Structures are given as C-alpha cells and as structure tokens.
N, C-alpha and C. Protein backbone atom coordinates (compact mmCIF):
# COMPACT_ATOMS: atom_id res chain seq x y z
N MET A 1 -6.57 -9.50 -21.23
CA MET A 1 -6.12 -9.96 -20.63
C MET A 1 -5.01 -9.29 -19.73
N PRO A 2 -4.75 -8.58 -18.47
CA PRO A 2 -4.05 -7.61 -18.01
C PRO A 2 -3.53 -8.68 -17.45
N THR A 3 -1.82 -8.32 -17.24
CA THR A 3 -0.44 -9.05 -16.86
C THR A 3 -1.02 -8.92 -15.19
N LEU A 4 -0.56 -9.98 -14.36
CA LEU A 4 -0.21 -9.97 -13.13
C LEU A 4 0.48 -8.33 -12.35
N ASP A 5 1.73 -7.99 -13.14
CA ASP A 5 2.11 -6.91 -12.84
C ASP A 5 1.45 -5.64 -12.61
N ASN A 6 0.67 -5.73 -13.94
CA ASN A 6 -0.20 -4.53 -14.12
C ASN A 6 -1.38 -4.20 -13.21
N VAL A 7 -1.72 -5.54 -12.75
CA VAL A 7 -2.59 -5.54 -12.04
C VAL A 7 -2.43 -5.18 -10.84
N LEU A 8 -1.25 -6.05 -10.09
CA LEU A 8 -0.10 -5.67 -8.92
C LEU A 8 -0.30 -3.74 -9.39
N ARG A 9 0.40 -3.46 -10.38
CA ARG A 9 0.95 -1.61 -10.30
C ARG A 9 -0.45 -1.14 -10.01
N ASP A 10 -1.56 -0.99 -10.54
CA ASP A 10 -3.42 -0.77 -10.25
C ASP A 10 -3.69 -0.90 -8.73
N ALA A 11 -2.80 -2.09 -8.52
CA ALA A 11 -3.49 -2.18 -6.76
C ALA A 11 -2.55 -1.38 -6.39
N ALA A 12 -1.71 -0.59 -6.23
CA ALA A 12 -0.90 -0.01 -5.43
C ALA A 12 -1.08 1.97 -5.85
N GLU A 13 -1.94 2.07 -6.90
CA GLU A 13 -1.98 3.07 -7.00
C GLU A 13 -3.60 3.16 -6.74
N ASP A 14 -4.47 2.12 -6.39
CA ASP A 14 -5.74 1.74 -5.41
C ASP A 14 -5.13 2.10 -4.27
N ALA A 15 -4.52 1.86 -4.14
CA ALA A 15 -4.12 1.90 -2.21
C ALA A 15 -3.62 3.00 -1.73
N GLY A 16 -2.55 3.26 -2.20
CA GLY A 16 -2.00 4.96 -2.75
C GLY A 16 -3.03 6.00 -2.03
N ARG A 17 -4.19 5.83 -3.30
CA ARG A 17 -5.36 6.61 -2.97
C ARG A 17 -5.83 6.70 -1.68
N ARG A 18 -6.07 5.37 -0.88
CA ARG A 18 -7.38 4.88 0.01
C ARG A 18 -6.30 5.22 1.12
N VAL A 19 -5.18 5.35 1.40
CA VAL A 19 -4.41 5.92 2.30
C VAL A 19 -4.50 7.39 2.53
N LEU A 20 -4.50 7.69 1.22
CA LEU A 20 -5.08 9.26 1.34
C LEU A 20 -6.09 9.74 1.65
N GLU A 21 -7.08 9.17 1.51
CA GLU A 21 -8.90 9.06 2.37
C GLU A 21 -8.44 9.73 3.77
N LYS A 22 -7.78 9.07 4.37
CA LYS A 22 -7.62 9.11 5.88
C LYS A 22 -6.40 10.21 6.75
N THR A 23 -6.38 10.57 7.44
CA THR A 23 -6.13 11.92 8.12
C THR A 23 -4.36 11.69 8.57
N TYR A 24 -3.75 13.20 8.49
CA TYR A 24 -2.71 12.67 9.18
C TYR A 24 -2.80 12.07 10.76
N ASP A 25 -3.82 13.07 11.56
CA ASP A 25 -3.92 12.26 12.80
C ASP A 25 -3.96 11.23 12.71
N TYR A 26 -5.34 9.87 11.83
CA TYR A 26 -5.38 8.75 11.45
C TYR A 26 -4.05 8.29 11.61
N TRP A 27 -3.15 8.32 10.79
CA TRP A 27 -2.13 7.14 10.08
C TRP A 27 -1.25 7.44 11.56
N SER A 28 -1.05 9.06 11.79
CA SER A 28 -0.02 8.89 13.05
C SER A 28 -0.16 8.21 14.27
N GLU A 29 -1.30 7.93 14.49
CA GLU A 29 -1.97 7.31 15.53
C GLU A 29 -1.94 5.23 15.56
N GLN A 30 -1.54 5.24 14.10
CA GLN A 30 -1.07 3.62 14.00
C GLN A 30 0.11 2.83 13.85
N GLU A 31 0.01 1.54 14.61
CA GLU A 31 0.96 1.11 14.75
C GLU A 31 1.50 0.18 13.49
N PHE A 32 2.62 0.91 13.00
CA PHE A 32 3.08 -0.29 11.94
C PHE A 32 4.41 -1.05 11.64
N PRO A 33 4.23 -2.36 11.21
CA PRO A 33 3.49 -1.81 9.71
C PRO A 33 2.22 -2.17 10.12
N VAL A 34 1.40 -2.02 8.69
CA VAL A 34 -0.37 -2.41 9.00
C VAL A 34 -0.23 -3.50 7.77
N CYS A 35 -0.81 -4.81 8.03
CA CYS A 35 -0.74 -4.99 6.87
C CYS A 35 -2.33 -6.07 6.92
N TYR A 36 -2.25 -5.99 5.80
CA TYR A 36 -3.97 -6.71 5.47
C TYR A 36 -4.08 -7.42 4.56
N GLU A 37 -4.87 -8.19 3.96
CA GLU A 37 -5.40 -8.96 2.70
C GLU A 37 -6.48 -8.25 2.14
N ASP A 38 -6.54 -8.43 0.59
CA ASP A 38 -7.70 -7.85 0.17
C ASP A 38 -8.07 -8.39 -1.49
N MET A 39 -8.80 -8.31 -2.25
CA MET A 39 -9.11 -8.44 -3.53
C MET A 39 -9.01 -7.46 -4.25
N PHE A 40 -8.08 -7.51 -5.47
CA PHE A 40 -8.28 -6.41 -6.11
C PHE A 40 -8.45 -6.98 -7.79
N VAL A 41 -9.87 -6.67 -8.60
CA VAL A 41 -9.81 -7.08 -9.79
C VAL A 41 -9.95 -8.57 -10.50
N GLY A 42 -10.44 -9.85 -8.67
CA GLY A 42 -10.01 -10.93 -8.79
C GLY A 42 -9.02 -10.93 -8.28
N VAL A 43 -8.17 -10.29 -7.78
CA VAL A 43 -6.75 -10.96 -7.62
C VAL A 43 -6.16 -10.81 -6.40
N ALA A 44 -6.48 -11.84 -5.25
CA ALA A 44 -6.14 -11.88 -3.78
C ALA A 44 -4.91 -11.36 -3.76
N ILE A 45 -5.04 -9.97 -3.10
CA ILE A 45 -3.15 -8.97 -2.62
C ILE A 45 -3.20 -9.43 -0.87
N GLU A 46 -2.17 -9.16 -0.74
CA GLU A 46 -1.49 -8.47 0.36
C GLU A 46 -0.79 -7.26 -0.31
N VAL A 47 -1.19 -6.37 1.69
CA VAL A 47 -1.12 -4.73 1.77
C VAL A 47 0.28 -4.63 2.83
N GLU A 48 0.81 -3.78 2.64
CA GLU A 48 1.37 -3.79 3.85
C GLU A 48 1.73 -2.09 3.72
N ILE A 49 1.45 -1.49 4.72
CA ILE A 49 1.95 0.35 4.86
C ILE A 49 2.72 0.02 5.68
N VAL A 50 3.96 1.12 5.11
CA VAL A 50 4.87 0.86 6.30
C VAL A 50 5.22 2.78 6.82
N LEU A 51 5.74 3.31 7.54
CA LEU A 51 6.16 4.54 8.17
C LEU A 51 7.51 5.00 7.31
N LEU A 52 7.44 5.46 6.58
CA LEU A 52 8.78 6.31 6.15
C LEU A 52 9.33 6.84 6.56
N GLU A 53 8.61 7.73 7.71
CA GLU A 53 9.42 9.28 7.84
C GLU A 53 8.00 10.05 8.13
N LYS A 54 8.35 10.43 9.54
CA LYS A 54 7.25 11.30 10.38
C LYS A 54 8.01 12.79 10.80
N LYS A 55 7.25 13.90 10.18
CA LYS A 55 7.63 14.66 10.63
C LYS A 55 6.41 15.76 11.22
N GLU A 56 5.98 16.56 11.14
CA GLU A 56 5.32 17.95 12.30
C GLU A 56 4.34 18.32 11.08
N ARG A 57 4.95 17.93 9.84
CA ARG A 57 4.09 18.63 8.77
C ARG A 57 3.32 17.40 7.82
N TYR A 58 4.22 16.63 7.79
CA TYR A 58 3.95 14.97 6.61
C TYR A 58 4.42 14.60 7.60
N LEU A 59 3.41 13.17 7.14
CA LEU A 59 3.77 11.96 7.12
C LEU A 59 4.44 11.08 5.59
N HIS A 60 5.82 10.32 5.12
CA HIS A 60 5.78 9.71 4.27
C HIS A 60 5.73 8.03 4.62
N LEU A 61 4.85 7.29 3.58
CA LEU A 61 4.18 6.06 3.77
C LEU A 61 4.24 5.13 2.77
N GLY A 62 5.00 4.52 3.00
CA GLY A 62 5.05 3.25 2.00
C GLY A 62 4.18 2.29 2.02
N ILE A 63 4.31 1.91 0.57
CA ILE A 63 2.65 0.77 0.16
C ILE A 63 3.25 -0.39 -0.79
N GLY A 64 3.27 -1.71 -0.13
CA GLY A 64 4.05 -2.66 -0.89
C GLY A 64 2.90 -3.19 -1.00
N ILE A 65 2.53 -3.91 -1.83
CA ILE A 65 1.46 -4.91 -2.37
C ILE A 65 2.02 -6.27 -3.52
N SER A 66 1.39 -7.42 -3.19
CA SER A 66 2.25 -8.16 -3.96
C SER A 66 0.77 -9.68 -3.64
N SER A 67 1.04 -10.46 -4.60
CA SER A 67 0.01 -11.11 -5.07
C SER A 67 -0.12 -12.90 -4.07
N MET A 68 -1.06 -13.13 -3.48
CA MET A 68 -1.17 -13.95 -2.69
C MET A 68 -1.41 -15.37 -3.72
N GLN A 69 -1.60 -14.93 -4.65
CA GLN A 69 -1.91 -16.49 -5.44
C GLN A 69 -0.52 -16.72 -6.42
N ASP A 70 0.83 -16.12 -5.98
CA ASP A 70 1.49 -16.23 -7.06
C ASP A 70 3.00 -15.93 -6.18
N SER A 71 4.06 -16.93 -5.68
CA SER A 71 4.89 -16.40 -4.89
C SER A 71 6.11 -15.82 -5.55
N ALA A 72 6.52 -16.09 -6.63
CA ALA A 72 7.07 -14.76 -7.61
C ALA A 72 7.32 -13.55 -7.16
N SER A 73 5.63 -12.87 -7.07
CA SER A 73 5.37 -11.85 -6.29
C SER A 73 5.75 -10.91 -5.20
N SER A 74 5.51 -12.20 -4.20
CA SER A 74 5.70 -12.08 -3.06
C SER A 74 7.06 -11.62 -2.36
N ARG A 75 7.98 -12.24 -3.72
CA ARG A 75 9.77 -11.63 -3.35
C ARG A 75 9.99 -10.67 -3.90
N ARG A 76 8.65 -10.20 -4.77
CA ARG A 76 9.04 -8.46 -5.33
C ARG A 76 7.57 -7.68 -5.51
N PRO A 77 7.17 -7.08 -4.44
CA PRO A 77 6.02 -6.26 -4.17
C PRO A 77 6.15 -5.16 -5.20
N VAL A 78 5.34 -4.88 -5.63
CA VAL A 78 5.17 -3.31 -6.17
C VAL A 78 4.43 -2.41 -4.96
N CYS A 79 5.93 -1.62 -5.16
CA CYS A 79 5.73 -0.66 -4.38
C CYS A 79 5.74 0.79 -4.48
N THR A 80 4.95 1.57 -3.45
CA THR A 80 4.94 3.36 -4.20
C THR A 80 4.97 3.49 -3.01
N SER A 81 5.00 4.81 -2.76
CA SER A 81 4.91 6.03 -1.32
C SER A 81 3.93 7.47 -1.49
N VAL A 82 3.22 7.57 -0.55
CA VAL A 82 2.51 8.86 -0.48
C VAL A 82 3.08 9.87 0.99
N ILE A 83 2.68 11.20 -0.15
CA ILE A 83 2.78 12.06 1.42
C ILE A 83 1.47 12.18 2.01
N VAL A 84 1.19 12.19 3.54
CA VAL A 84 -0.05 12.42 3.95
C VAL A 84 0.39 13.89 4.49
N ARG A 85 -0.25 14.94 3.86
CA ARG A 85 0.02 16.32 4.93
C ARG A 85 -0.91 16.34 6.06
N ARG A 86 -0.04 17.22 7.23
CA ARG A 86 -1.42 17.59 8.28
C ARG A 86 -2.42 18.61 7.76
C-alpha cells in the first residue's frame, strides 16, 4: 500500500498534467490562487494553483497538494510547478 507522501506526489504529477491540458489563455484569465478539493486514489486532497510568473510567451504555475485527512500534510504540502506556453 502506498504511503500518503507517495499518494500526494502522484496527485501533484496528475494535477500538473491536468493544468497543462488547459491553454495559456484559459490560465491567464483565472483569478489566483485557484483552490479546489478533489479525490485521488481514495484520498481527499486540497489543490492550490498559484501564478508564479506571467510572461508574454508563458505562464509559470505552482501547484500545492495536501491531504484533507492528515493535518501534518497540510502544513507541508507536496509542491510542483509547470510552464504553460502560449
């Protein structure tokens, strides 16, 4: 059985892929942070997407994932970032 840390890392990778499915124009119109709750392999998670950098050719977005079931993970979320190109 995977550890909570491994689940959160996998959830961060999955969230990064889902962010990249949307366009530069979509993300440039969003109000940040974008926060939502989700389920990933049976674990309730919180996702927070923040704008790190906005350039004419790309957006740099940060993604934080924490477990809603474990207070320790909410103090130390798993984070990643992605570049959304125009």
